[in-house]
Amino acid sequence: MPTLSDHTRLLNLLITLAYKTPDLPSPLFDIGYSLEHIGTKIAFPSDAVVLSPDLQFKSDAATTILFCEAKSGGIENGQAKKYKFLTPDIISSRNLTTLPAQNLKVETCYVCLFENRLDVLANEGLYRWGFPIIFFDGKTLKKDESTGNFNDPSLNKVFSKGITISREPPNTFYPFGQGDSQGWIAYCVLTQLLESWAMGVREVTEDDLIRNSHRFFGYCFQDERNFVKRITHTALESISKSGSLRYTIKPLGNQRWQLVKMTLGKNSEGFVAKFCDEFDKRPDDRQTADLTEWIKEEEKKEPED
């Protein structure tokens, strides 16, 4: 079965810090920070490098933007150089925040899992970018003492002290995105298709499916929205053309779908998981997967609930 990526796990962990969640700390919320954007696009006319911070938080009281970059590998020099020259004027002139331009401040930090800390620190040790680097070891989220400090004293205090995470953060804030496999995105959306059928819904739009399965989809910038919409559409098309006798949907045009038959039972989610494993093997995310033969064989093997 497809699973969400470490990158997505990190994003959910960081978003959780800005929301009151049972049994989990919310230090960003407590010091006045809230989520503003996911996958912000910051273009620089002078060259082709576009900055795309994973998360953008804001504090009205501190008039501060906090960009968080989740890393599964090392720091990229071109990216770090752009962050170094990123100014409040650039953010304001491109209307990337609702905060006023006057006294606006910008903070940037890198966040990674403890397992890949050496890759991240190696680049920092060589080039001395000076950004705060935060590690998560599965229990604590904490700034490495050898790396730079935040200018906002409240941020520095929170991350220098460390944040204890007592349980696995939910992935409901950001269940999928560009860092995830096509199969995982398809699994999240198609599971929502089954839930819609169970609730008596017989006609859905692709946007409905995405928004019901992705709580913060509206925070995402257009590139990420387009990517998720493309995967969703091709997954639905693949099911529609598969000839399945248990999961039958028909296109109605304008990205609307009629739910003709959805077999619910103990095997239904398992079937969706297997389907998404097969879906993940496609070389091109724009191409409908031809799963006709696979579905026939699978439906022969698995008795209908």
C-alpha atoms as a PDB file:
ATOM      1  CA  MET A   1       0.000   0.000   0.000  1.00  0.00           C
ATOM      2  CA  PRO A   2       1.324   3.505  -0.796  1.00  0.00           C
ATOM      3  CA  THR A   3       2.299   5.599   2.219  1.00  0.00           C
ATOM      4  CA  LEU A   4       2.842   9.293   2.808  1.00  0.00           C
ATOM      5  CA  SER A   5       6.385  10.644   2.543  1.00  0.00           C
ATOM      6  CA  ASP A   6       8.683  11.801   5.345  1.00  0.00           C
ATOM      7  CA  HIS A   7       8.394  15.277   3.808  1.00  0.00           C
ATOM      8  CA  THR A   8       4.630  15.256   4.310  1.00  0.00           C
ATOM      9  CA  ARG A   9       5.023  13.975   7.876  1.00  0.00           C
ATOM     10  CA  LEU A  10       7.294  16.941   8.645  1.00  0.00           C
ATOM     11  CA  LEU A  11       4.819  19.417   7.170  1.00  0.00           C
ATOM     12  CA  ASN A  12       1.993  18.009   9.291  1.00  0.00           C
ATOM     13  CA  LEU A  13       4.178  18.213  12.376  1.00  0.00           C
ATOM     14  CA  LEU A  14       4.973  21.887  11.714  1.00  0.00           C
ATOM     15  CA  ILE A  15       1.370  22.819  10.904  1.00  0.00           C
ATOM     16  CA  THR A  16       0.255  21.113  14.127  1.00  0.00           C
ATOM     17  CA  LEU A  17       2.395  23.606  16.075  1.00  0.00           C
ATOM     18  CA  ALA A  18       0.106  26.418  14.919  1.00  0.00           C
ATOM     19  CA  TYR A  19      -3.187  24.721  15.845  1.00  0.00           C
ATOM     20  CA  LYS A  20      -4.733  23.483  19.058  1.00  0.00           C
ATOM     21  CA  THR A  21      -4.627  19.693  18.758  1.00  0.00           C
ATOM     22  CA  PRO A  22      -5.479  17.235  21.575  1.00  0.00           C
ATOM     23  CA  ASP A  23      -2.382  15.890  23.380  1.00  0.00           C
ATOM     24  CA  LEU A  24       0.033  17.892  21.215  1.00  0.00           C
ATOM     25  CA  PRO A  25       1.772  21.225  21.891  1.00  0.00           C
ATOM     26  CA  SER A  26       0.897  24.334  19.883  1.00  0.00           C
ATOM     27  CA  PRO A  27       3.787  26.745  20.601  1.00  0.00           C
ATOM     28  CA  LEU A  28       3.488  28.675  17.328  1.00  0.00           C
ATOM     29  CA  PHE A  29      -0.193  29.292  18.025  1.00  0.00           C
ATOM     30  CA  ASP A  30       0.672  30.288  21.593  1.00  0.00           C
ATOM     31  CA  ILE A  31       3.104  33.016  20.450  1.00  0.00           C
ATOM     32  CA  GLY A  32       0.737  34.329  17.784  1.00  0.00           C
ATOM     33  CA  TYR A  33       1.748  32.561  14.568  1.00  0.00           C
ATOM     34  CA  SER A  34      -0.752  31.102  12.087  1.00  0.00           C
ATOM     35  CA  LEU A  35      -0.440  29.310   8.756  1.00  0.00           C
ATOM     36  CA  GLU A  36      -0.720  31.623   5.741  1.00  0.00           C
ATOM     37  CA  HIS A  37       0.392  29.618   2.683  1.00  0.00           C
ATOM     38  CA  ILE A  38       1.618  26.183   1.591  1.00  0.00           C
ATOM     39  CA  GLY A  39       4.129  26.076  -1.272  1.00  0.00           C
ATOM     40  CA  THR A  40       4.483  29.852  -1.749  1.00  0.00           C
ATOM     41  CA  LYS A  41       6.059  30.772  -5.103  1.00  0.00           C
ATOM     42  CA  ILE A  42       8.582  33.630  -4.995  1.00  0.00           C
ATOM     43  CA  ALA A  43       9.929  34.562  -8.420  1.00  0.00           C
ATOM     44  CA  PHE A  44      13.144  36.491  -9.015  1.00  0.00           C
ATOM     45  CA  PRO A  45      13.208  38.235 -12.416  1.00  0.00           C
ATOM     46  CA  SER A  46      17.020  38.186 -12.522  1.00  0.00           C
ATOM     47  CA  ASP A  47      17.264  34.393 -12.935  1.00  0.00           C
ATOM     48  CA  ALA A  48      15.292  31.168 -13.261  1.00  0.00           C
ATOM     49  CA  VAL A  49      15.445  30.109  -9.602  1.00  0.00           C
ATOM     50  CA  VAL A  50      12.008  30.264  -7.967  1.00  0.00           C
ATOM     51  CA  LEU A  51      11.812  29.925  -4.219  1.00  0.00           C
ATOM     52  CA  SER A  52       9.003  27.696  -3.002  1.00  0.00           C
ATOM     53  CA  PRO A  53       8.979  27.557   0.800  1.00  0.00           C
ATOM     54  CA  ASP A  54       7.069  24.541   2.057  1.00  0.00           C
ATOM     55  CA  LEU A  55       5.210  26.513   4.710  1.00  0.00           C
ATOM     56  CA  GLN A  56       4.609  30.194   5.368  1.00  0.00           C
ATOM     57  CA  PHE A  57       3.464  31.268   8.818  1.00  0.00           C
ATOM     58  CA  LYS A  58       2.720  34.824   9.904  1.00  0.00           C
ATOM     59  CA  SER A  59       2.510  36.751  13.149  1.00  0.00           C
ATOM     60  CA  ASP A  60       0.351  39.881  13.144  1.00  0.00           C
ATOM     61  CA  ALA A  61       1.734  41.010  16.501  1.00  0.00           C
ATOM     62  CA  ALA A  62       5.385  40.603  15.475  1.00  0.00           C
ATOM     63  CA  THR A  63       4.704  41.600  11.817  1.00  0.00           C
ATOM     64  CA  THR A  64       6.875  38.622  10.900  1.00  0.00           C
ATOM     65  CA  ILE A  65       6.760  35.997   8.148  1.00  0.00           C
ATOM     66  CA  LEU A  66       8.264  32.603   9.020  1.00  0.00           C
ATOM     67  CA  PHE A  67       9.276  30.389   6.096  1.00  0.00           C
ATOM     68  CA  CYS A  68       9.891  26.718   6.898  1.00  0.00           C
ATOM     69  CA  GLU A  69      11.752  24.522   4.436  1.00  0.00           C
ATOM     70  CA  ALA A  70      11.442  20.783   5.117  1.00  0.00           C
ATOM     71  CA  LYS A  71      14.477  18.829   3.886  1.00  0.00           C
ATOM     72  CA  SER A  72      14.907  15.135   3.189  1.00  0.00           C
ATOM     73  CA  GLY A  73      18.435  15.723   1.859  1.00  0.00           C
ATOM     74  CA  GLY A  74      21.007  18.488   2.095  1.00  0.00           C
ATOM     75  CA  ILE A  75      20.570  22.243   1.670  1.00  0.00           C
ATOM     76  CA  GLU A  76      20.659  23.368  -1.972  1.00  0.00           C
ATOM     77  CA  ASN A  77      23.085  26.232  -2.498  1.00  0.00           C
ATOM     78  CA  GLY A  78      20.976  28.058  -5.093  1.00  0.00           C
ATOM     79  CA  GLN A  79      17.968  27.931  -2.820  1.00  0.00           C
ATOM     80  CA  ALA A  80      19.890  29.015   0.287  1.00  0.00           C
ATOM     81  CA  LYS A  81      21.442  31.947  -1.586  1.00  0.00           C
ATOM     82  CA  LYS A  82      17.990  33.168  -2.586  1.00  0.00           C
ATOM     83  CA  TYR A  83      16.719  32.902   0.977  1.00  0.00           C
ATOM     84  CA  LYS A  84      19.754  34.908   2.097  1.00  0.00           C
ATOM     85  CA  PHE A  85      18.779  37.778  -0.195  1.00  0.00           C
ATOM     86  CA  LEU A  86      15.036  37.532   0.446  1.00  0.00           C
ATOM     87  CA  THR A  87      13.763  40.846   1.821  1.00  0.00           C
ATOM     88  CA  PRO A  88      10.433  42.058   3.228  1.00  0.00           C
ATOM     89  CA  ASP A  89      10.116  44.357   0.184  1.00  0.00           C
ATOM     90  CA  ILE A  90      10.159  41.351  -2.149  1.00  0.00           C
ATOM     91  CA  ILE A  91       7.366  39.696  -0.160  1.00  0.00           C
ATOM     92  CA  SER A  92       5.233  42.844   0.008  1.00  0.00           C
ATOM     93  CA  SER A  93       5.715  43.882  -3.624  1.00  0.00           C
ATOM     94  CA  ARG A  94       4.461  40.463  -4.769  1.00  0.00           C
ATOM     95  CA  ASN A  95       1.430  40.534  -2.416  1.00  0.00           C
ATOM     96  CA  LEU A  96       2.478  37.273  -0.773  1.00  0.00           C
ATOM     97  CA  THR A  97       1.188  38.192   2.684  1.00  0.00           C
ATOM     98  CA  THR A  98      -1.674  40.050   4.296  1.00  0.00           C
ATOM     99  CA  LEU A  99       0.742  41.655   6.758  1.00  0.00           C
ATOM    100  CA  PRO A 100       1.455  45.369   6.224  1.00  0.00           C
ATOM    101  CA  ALA A 101       4.704  46.288   4.455  1.00  0.00           C
ATOM    102  CA  GLN A 102       5.703  48.671   7.213  1.00  0.00           C
ATOM    103  CA  ASN A 103       8.047  46.987   9.711  1.00  0.00           C
ATOM    104  CA  LEU A 104       7.621  43.607   8.010  1.00  0.00           C
ATOM    105  CA  LYS A 105      10.297  41.046   8.947  1.00  0.00           C
ATOM    106  CA  VAL A 106      11.204  37.713   7.375  1.00  0.00           C
ATOM    107  CA  GLU A 107      12.554  34.579   9.102  1.00  0.00           C
ATOM    108  CA  THR A 108      13.691  31.373   7.376  1.00  0.00           C
ATOM    109  CA  CYS A 109      14.501  27.993   8.907  1.00  0.00           C
ATOM    110  CA  TYR A 110      15.285  24.490   7.700  1.00  0.00           C
ATOM    111  CA  VAL A 111      13.607  21.459   9.276  1.00  0.00           C
ATOM    112  CA  CYS A 112      14.628  17.833   8.827  1.00  0.00           C
ATOM    113  CA  LEU A 113      14.488  14.413  10.425  1.00  0.00           C
ATOM    114  CA  PHE A 114      17.302  13.401  12.744  1.00  0.00           C
ATOM    115  CA  GLU A 115      18.397  10.700  10.259  1.00  0.00           C
ATOM    116  CA  ASN A 116      19.417  13.217   7.588  1.00  0.00           C
ATOM    117  CA  ARG A 117      20.803  15.899   9.895  1.00  0.00           C
ATOM    118  CA  LEU A 118      24.398  15.211   8.798  1.00  0.00           C
ATOM    119  CA  ASP A 119      23.585  16.027   5.167  1.00  0.00           C
ATOM    120  CA  VAL A 120      21.957  19.299   6.187  1.00  0.00           C
ATOM    121  CA  LEU A 121      24.698  20.261   8.652  1.00  0.00           C
ATOM    122  CA  ALA A 122      27.466  19.406   6.176  1.00  0.00           C
ATOM    123  CA  ASN A 123      26.289  22.087   3.772  1.00  0.00           C
ATOM    124  CA  GLU A 124      25.763  24.588   6.574  1.00  0.00           C
ATOM    125  CA  GLY A 125      29.244  23.888   7.944  1.00  0.00           C
ATOM    126  CA  LEU A 126      30.772  24.492   4.530  1.00  0.00           C
ATOM    127  CA  TYR A 127      28.908  27.622   3.453  1.00  0.00           C
ATOM    128  CA  ARG A 128      27.765  29.165   6.762  1.00  0.00           C
ATOM    129  CA  TRP A 129      24.351  30.308   5.563  1.00  0.00           C
ATOM    130  CA  GLY A 130      23.388  31.149   9.139  1.00  0.00           C
ATOM    131  CA  PHE A 131      19.832  29.805   9.085  1.00  0.00           C
ATOM    132  CA  PRO A 132      18.335  28.052  12.119  1.00  0.00           C
ATOM    133  CA  ILE A 133      18.260  24.300  11.491  1.00  0.00           C
ATOM    134  CA  ILE A 134      15.678  22.252  13.389  1.00  0.00           C
ATOM    135  CA  PHE A 135      15.744  18.470  13.836  1.00  0.00           C
ATOM    136  CA  PHE A 136      12.995  16.055  14.757  1.00  0.00           C
ATOM    137  CA  ASP A 137      14.199  12.813  16.354  1.00  0.00           C
ATOM    138  CA  GLY A 138      10.754  11.254  16.730  1.00  0.00           C
ATOM    139  CA  LYS A 139      10.176  12.720  20.187  1.00  0.00           C
ATOM    140  CA  THR A 140      11.596  16.250  20.213  1.00  0.00           C
ATOM    141  CA  LEU A 141      11.689  19.096  17.702  1.00  0.00           C
ATOM    142  CA  LYS A 142      14.684  21.291  18.515  1.00  0.00           C
ATOM    143  CA  LYS A 143      17.080  23.798  16.960  1.00  0.00           C
ATOM    144  CA  ASP A 144      20.663  22.619  16.618  1.00  0.00           C
ATOM    145  CA  GLU A 145      22.765  24.782  18.930  1.00  0.00           C
ATOM    146  CA  SER A 146      25.533  25.218  16.361  1.00  0.00           C
ATOM    147  CA  THR A 147      23.231  26.852  13.795  1.00  0.00           C
ATOM    148  CA  GLY A 148      21.859  30.385  13.484  1.00  0.00           C
ATOM    149  CA  ASN A 149      19.257  32.014  15.692  1.00  0.00           C
ATOM    150  CA  PHE A 150      15.876  33.511  14.870  1.00  0.00           C
ATOM    151  CA  ASN A 151      15.606  37.277  15.118  1.00  0.00           C
ATOM    152  CA  ASP A 152      12.229  36.952  16.797  1.00  0.00           C
ATOM    153  CA  PRO A 153      13.057  36.162  20.460  1.00  0.00           C
ATOM    154  CA  SER A 154       9.815  34.182  20.854  1.00  0.00           C
ATOM    155  CA  LEU A 155      10.687  31.835  17.985  1.00  0.00           C
ATOM    156  CA  ASN A 156      14.215  31.440  19.280  1.00  0.00           C
ATOM    157  CA  LYS A 157      12.973  30.530  22.750  1.00  0.00           C
ATOM    158  CA  VAL A 158      10.454  27.976  21.470  1.00  0.00           C
ATOM    159  CA  PHE A 159      12.842  26.084  19.206  1.00  0.00           C
ATOM    160  CA  SER A 160      15.987  26.401  21.327  1.00  0.00           C
ATOM    161  CA  LYS A 161      14.191  24.946  24.335  1.00  0.00           C
ATOM    162  CA  GLY A 162      12.782  22.135  22.220  1.00  0.00           C
ATOM    163  CA  ILE A 163       9.228  20.902  21.709  1.00  0.00           C
ATOM    164  CA  THR A 164       8.255  17.495  23.042  1.00  0.00           C
ATOM    165  CA  ILE A 165       5.934  15.558  20.728  1.00  0.00           C
ATOM    166  CA  SER A 166       4.103  12.911  22.761  1.00  0.00           C
ATOM    167  CA  ARG A 167       2.378  11.109  19.881  1.00  0.00           C
ATOM    168  CA  GLU A 168       2.369  10.873  16.093  1.00  0.00           C
ATOM    169  CA  PRO A 169       0.894  14.127  14.743  1.00  0.00           C
ATOM    170  CA  PRO A 170      -2.195  13.679  12.577  1.00  0.00           C
ATOM    171  CA  ASN A 171      -1.713  13.877   8.823  1.00  0.00           C
ATOM    172  CA  THR A 172      -5.155  15.396   8.356  1.00  0.00           C
ATOM    173  CA  PHE A 173      -3.841  18.949   7.968  1.00  0.00           C
ATOM    174  CA  TYR A 174      -1.748  18.127   4.904  1.00  0.00           C
ATOM    175  CA  PRO A 175      -2.474  14.529   3.843  1.00  0.00           C
ATOM    176  CA  PHE A 176      -0.726  14.706   0.476  1.00  0.00           C
ATOM    177  CA  GLY A 177       1.129  16.985  -1.910  1.00  0.00           C
ATOM    178  CA  GLN A 178       3.905  17.199  -4.488  1.00  0.00           C
ATOM    179  CA  GLY A 179       6.334  15.348  -2.230  1.00  0.00           C
ATOM    180  CA  ASP A 180       4.146  12.229  -2.261  1.00  0.00           C
ATOM    181  CA  SER A 181       3.755   9.390  -4.715  1.00  0.00           C
ATOM    182  CA  GLN A 182       0.913   9.389  -7.220  1.00  0.00           C
ATOM    183  CA  GLY A 183      -0.393   6.234  -5.563  1.00  0.00           C
ATOM    184  CA  TRP A 184      -0.668   7.850  -2.131  1.00  0.00           C
ATOM    185  CA  ILE A 185      -2.570  10.846  -3.525  1.00  0.00           C
ATOM    186  CA  ALA A 186      -4.887   8.521  -5.436  1.00  0.00           C
ATOM    187  CA  TYR A 187      -5.443   6.432  -2.277  1.00  0.00           C
ATOM    188  CA  CYS A 188      -6.501   9.467  -0.222  1.00  0.00           C
ATOM    189  CA  VAL A 189      -8.898  10.702  -2.903  1.00  0.00           C
ATOM    190  CA  LEU A 190     -10.406   7.303  -3.763  1.00  0.00           C
ATOM    191  CA  THR A 191     -10.974   6.515  -0.085  1.00  0.00           C
ATOM    192  CA  GLN A 192     -13.005   9.734  -0.031  1.00  0.00           C
ATOM    193  CA  LEU A 193     -14.941   8.361  -3.020  1.00  0.00           C
ATOM    194  CA  LEU A 194     -15.966   5.327  -0.937  1.00  0.00           C
ATOM    195  CA  GLU A 195     -16.971   7.579   1.968  1.00  0.00           C
ATOM    196  CA  SER A 196     -19.108   9.697  -0.368  1.00  0.00           C
ATOM    197  CA  TRP A 197     -20.921   6.566  -1.602  1.00  0.00           C
ATOM    198  CA  ALA A 198     -21.495   5.375   1.967  1.00  0.00           C
ATOM    199  CA  MET A 199     -23.112   8.744   2.776  1.00  0.00           C
ATOM    200  CA  GLY A 200     -25.558   8.370  -0.108  1.00  0.00           C
ATOM    201  CA  VAL A 201     -23.785  10.738  -2.510  1.00  0.00           C
ATOM    202  CA  ARG A 202     -24.160   9.636  -6.135  1.00  0.00           C
ATOM    203  CA  GLU A 203     -22.565  12.546  -7.980  1.00  0.00           C
ATOM    204  CA  VAL A 204     -19.291  14.262  -7.110  1.00  0.00           C
ATOM    205  CA  THR A 205     -16.906  16.819  -8.549  1.00  0.00           C
ATOM    206  CA  GLU A 206     -13.164  16.341  -8.520  1.00  0.00           C
ATOM    207  CA  ASP A 207     -12.813  19.518  -6.460  1.00  0.00           C
ATOM    208  CA  ASP A 208     -15.242  18.127  -3.867  1.00  0.00           C
ATOM    209  CA  LEU A 209     -13.209  14.939  -3.528  1.00  0.00           C
ATOM    210  CA  ILE A 210      -9.945  16.846  -3.132  1.00  0.00           C
ATOM    211  CA  ARG A 211     -11.237  19.395  -0.652  1.00  0.00           C
ATOM    212  CA  ASN A 212     -12.977  16.754   1.461  1.00  0.00           C
ATOM    213  CA  SER A 213      -9.787  14.698   1.652  1.00  0.00           C
ATOM    214  CA  HIS A 214      -7.323  17.619   1.941  1.00  0.00           C
ATOM    215  CA  ARG A 215      -8.299  19.961   4.751  1.00  0.00           C
ATOM    216  CA  PHE A 216      -5.864  22.754   3.844  1.00  0.00           C
ATOM    217  CA  PHE A 217      -5.949  22.484   0.053  1.00  0.00           C
ATOM    218  CA  GLY A 218      -7.069  26.123  -0.097  1.00  0.00           C
ATOM    219  CA  TYR A 219      -3.757  27.207   1.464  1.00  0.00           C
ATOM    220  CA  CYS A 220      -1.769  25.643  -1.404  1.00  0.00           C
ATOM    221  CA  PHE A 221      -0.356  27.687  -4.272  1.00  0.00           C
ATOM    222  CA  GLN A 222      -1.583  26.996  -7.801  1.00  0.00           C
ATOM    223  CA  ASP A 223       1.270  24.712  -8.932  1.00  0.00           C
ATOM    224  CA  GLU A 224       0.550  22.250  -6.152  1.00  0.00           C
ATOM    225  CA  ARG A 225      -3.202  22.446  -6.711  1.00  0.00           C
ATOM    226  CA  ASN A 226      -2.737  21.675 -10.406  1.00  0.00           C
ATOM    227  CA  PHE A 227      -0.511  18.680  -9.617  1.00  0.00           C
ATOM    228  CA  VAL A 228      -3.030  17.177  -7.191  1.00  0.00           C
ATOM    229  CA  LYS A 229      -5.936  17.827  -9.563  1.00  0.00           C
ATOM    230  CA  ARG A 230      -4.084  16.081 -12.386  1.00  0.00           C
ATOM    231  CA  ILE A 231      -3.388  12.964 -10.303  1.00  0.00           C
ATOM    232  CA  THR A 232      -6.997  12.906  -9.094  1.00  0.00           C
ATOM    233  CA  HIS A 233      -8.392  13.138 -12.616  1.00  0.00           C
ATOM    234  CA  THR A 234      -6.185  10.386 -14.025  1.00  0.00           C
ATOM    235  CA  ALA A 235      -6.991   8.091 -11.055  1.00  0.00           C
ATOM    236  CA  LEU A 236     -10.731   8.542 -11.641  1.00  0.00           C
ATOM    237  CA  GLU A 237     -10.322   8.029 -15.383  1.00  0.00           C
ATOM    238  CA  SER A 238      -8.330   4.849 -14.736  1.00  0.00           C
ATOM    239  CA  ILE A 239     -11.147   3.418 -12.608  1.00  0.00           C
ATOM    240  CA  SER A 240     -13.803   4.519 -15.086  1.00  0.00           C
ATOM    241  CA  LYS A 241     -12.059   2.781 -18.012  1.00  0.00           C
ATOM    242  CA  SER A 242     -11.034  -0.319 -16.063  1.00  0.00           C
ATOM    243  CA  GLY A 243     -14.315  -2.183 -16.527  1.00  0.00           C
ATOM    244  CA  SER A 244     -14.587  -2.925 -12.808  1.00  0.00           C
ATOM    245  CA  LEU A 245     -17.877  -4.564 -11.848  1.00  0.00           C
ATOM    246  CA  ARG A 246     -17.578  -3.422  -8.214  1.00  0.00           C
ATOM    247  CA  TYR A 247     -16.333   0.148  -8.579  1.00  0.00           C
ATOM    248  CA  THR A 248     -18.163   1.789 -11.460  1.00  0.00           C
ATOM    249  CA  ILE A 249     -18.089   5.522 -12.124  1.00  0.00           C
ATOM    250  CA  LYS A 250     -19.046   7.502 -15.224  1.00  0.00           C
ATOM    251  CA  PRO A 251     -17.786  10.917 -16.384  1.00  0.00           C
ATOM    252  CA  LEU A 252     -20.487  13.580 -16.671  1.00  0.00           C
ATOM    253  CA  GLY A 253     -18.237  16.307 -18.066  1.00  0.00           C
ATOM    254  CA  ASN A 254     -16.765  19.402 -16.370  1.00  0.00           C
ATOM    255  CA  GLN A 255     -14.892  17.164 -13.905  1.00  0.00           C
ATOM    256  CA  ARG A 256     -18.134  15.727 -12.511  1.00  0.00           C
ATOM    257  CA  TRP A 257     -18.597  11.995 -11.921  1.00  0.00           C
ATOM    258  CA  GLN A 258     -21.594   9.748 -11.396  1.00  0.00           C
ATOM    259  CA  LEU A 259     -21.099   7.014  -8.820  1.00  0.00           C
ATOM    260  CA  VAL A 260     -22.847   3.981 -10.297  1.00  0.00           C
ATOM    261  CA  LYS A 261     -21.618   1.269  -7.938  1.00  0.00           C
ATOM    262  CA  MET A 262     -19.208   1.186  -5.023  1.00  0.00           C
ATOM    263  CA  THR A 263     -18.893  -2.144  -3.224  1.00  0.00           C
ATOM    264  CA  LEU A 264     -18.366  -1.510   0.480  1.00  0.00           C
ATOM    265  CA  GLY A 265     -17.104  -4.063   2.972  1.00  0.00           C
ATOM    266  CA  LYS A 266     -13.987  -5.396   4.646  1.00  0.00           C
ATOM    267  CA  ASN A 267     -12.169  -5.791   1.303  1.00  0.00           C
ATOM    268  CA  SER A 268     -13.027  -2.404  -0.205  1.00  0.00           C
ATOM    269  CA  GLU A 269     -10.186  -0.316   1.254  1.00  0.00           C
ATOM    270  CA  GLY A 270      -7.753  -3.164   0.606  1.00  0.00           C
ATOM    271  CA  PHE A 271      -8.813  -3.195  -3.019  1.00  0.00           C
ATOM    272  CA  VAL A 272      -8.285   0.577  -3.276  1.00  0.00           C
ATOM    273  CA  ALA A 273      -4.823   0.191  -1.719  1.00  0.00           C
ATOM    274  CA  LYS A 274      -3.847  -2.482  -4.267  1.00  0.00           C
ATOM    275  CA  PHE A 275      -5.275  -0.391  -7.097  1.00  0.00           C
ATOM    276  CA  CYS A 276      -3.172   2.574  -6.001  1.00  0.00           C
ATOM    277  CA  ASP A 277      -0.048   0.398  -5.840  1.00  0.00           C
ATOM    278  CA  GLU A 278      -0.649  -0.468  -9.487  1.00  0.00           C
ATOM    279  CA  PHE A 279      -1.516   3.141 -10.313  1.00  0.00           C
ATOM    280  CA  ASP A 280       1.827   4.200  -8.829  1.00  0.00           C
ATOM    281  CA  LYS A 281       3.737   2.189 -11.426  1.00  0.00           C
ATOM    282  CA  ARG A 282       2.774   4.487 -14.319  1.00  0.00           C
ATOM    283  CA  PRO A 283       5.713   6.337 -15.890  1.00  0.00           C
ATOM    284  CA  ASP A 284       3.665   9.469 -16.684  1.00  0.00           C
ATOM    285  CA  ASP A 285       1.297  11.162 -14.219  1.00  0.00           C
ATOM    286  CA  ARG A 286      -0.742  12.583 -17.139  1.00  0.00           C
ATOM    287  CA  GLN A 287      -1.465   9.181 -18.661  1.00  0.00           C
ATOM    288  CA  THR A 288      -4.513   7.114 -17.744  1.00  0.00           C
ATOM    289  CA  ALA A 289      -3.403   3.796 -16.294  1.00  0.00           C
ATOM    290  CA  ASP A 290      -4.634   0.772 -18.256  1.00  0.00           C
ATOM    291  CA  LEU A 291      -5.606  -1.483 -15.380  1.00  0.00           C
ATOM    292  CA  THR A 292      -8.309  -3.464 -17.187  1.00  0.00           C
ATOM    293  CA  GLU A 293      -6.549  -6.834 -17.019  1.00  0.00           C
ATOM    294  CA  TRP A 294      -5.351  -6.260 -13.465  1.00  0.00           C
ATOM    295  CA  ILE A 295      -8.877  -5.433 -12.272  1.00  0.00           C
ATOM    296  CA  LYS A 296     -10.330  -8.528 -13.946  1.00  0.00           C
ATOM    297  CA  GLU A 297      -7.801 -10.807 -12.276  1.00  0.00           C
ATOM    298  CA  GLU A 298      -8.151  -9.061  -8.914  1.00  0.00           C
ATOM    299  CA  GLU A 299     -11.963  -9.320  -8.928  1.00  0.00           C
ATOM    300  CA  LYS A 300     -11.700 -13.035  -9.735  1.00  0.00           C
ATOM    301  CA  LYS A 301      -9.364 -13.617  -6.779  1.00  0.00           C
ATOM    302  CA  GLU A 302     -11.245 -11.545  -4.205  1.00  0.00           C
ATOM    303  CA  PRO A 303     -14.859 -12.549  -3.486  1.00  0.00           C
ATOM    304  CA  GLU A 304     -17.303  -9.671  -3.258  1.00  0.00           C
ATOM    305  CA  ASP A 305     -18.213  -8.812   0.370  1.00  0.00           C
END
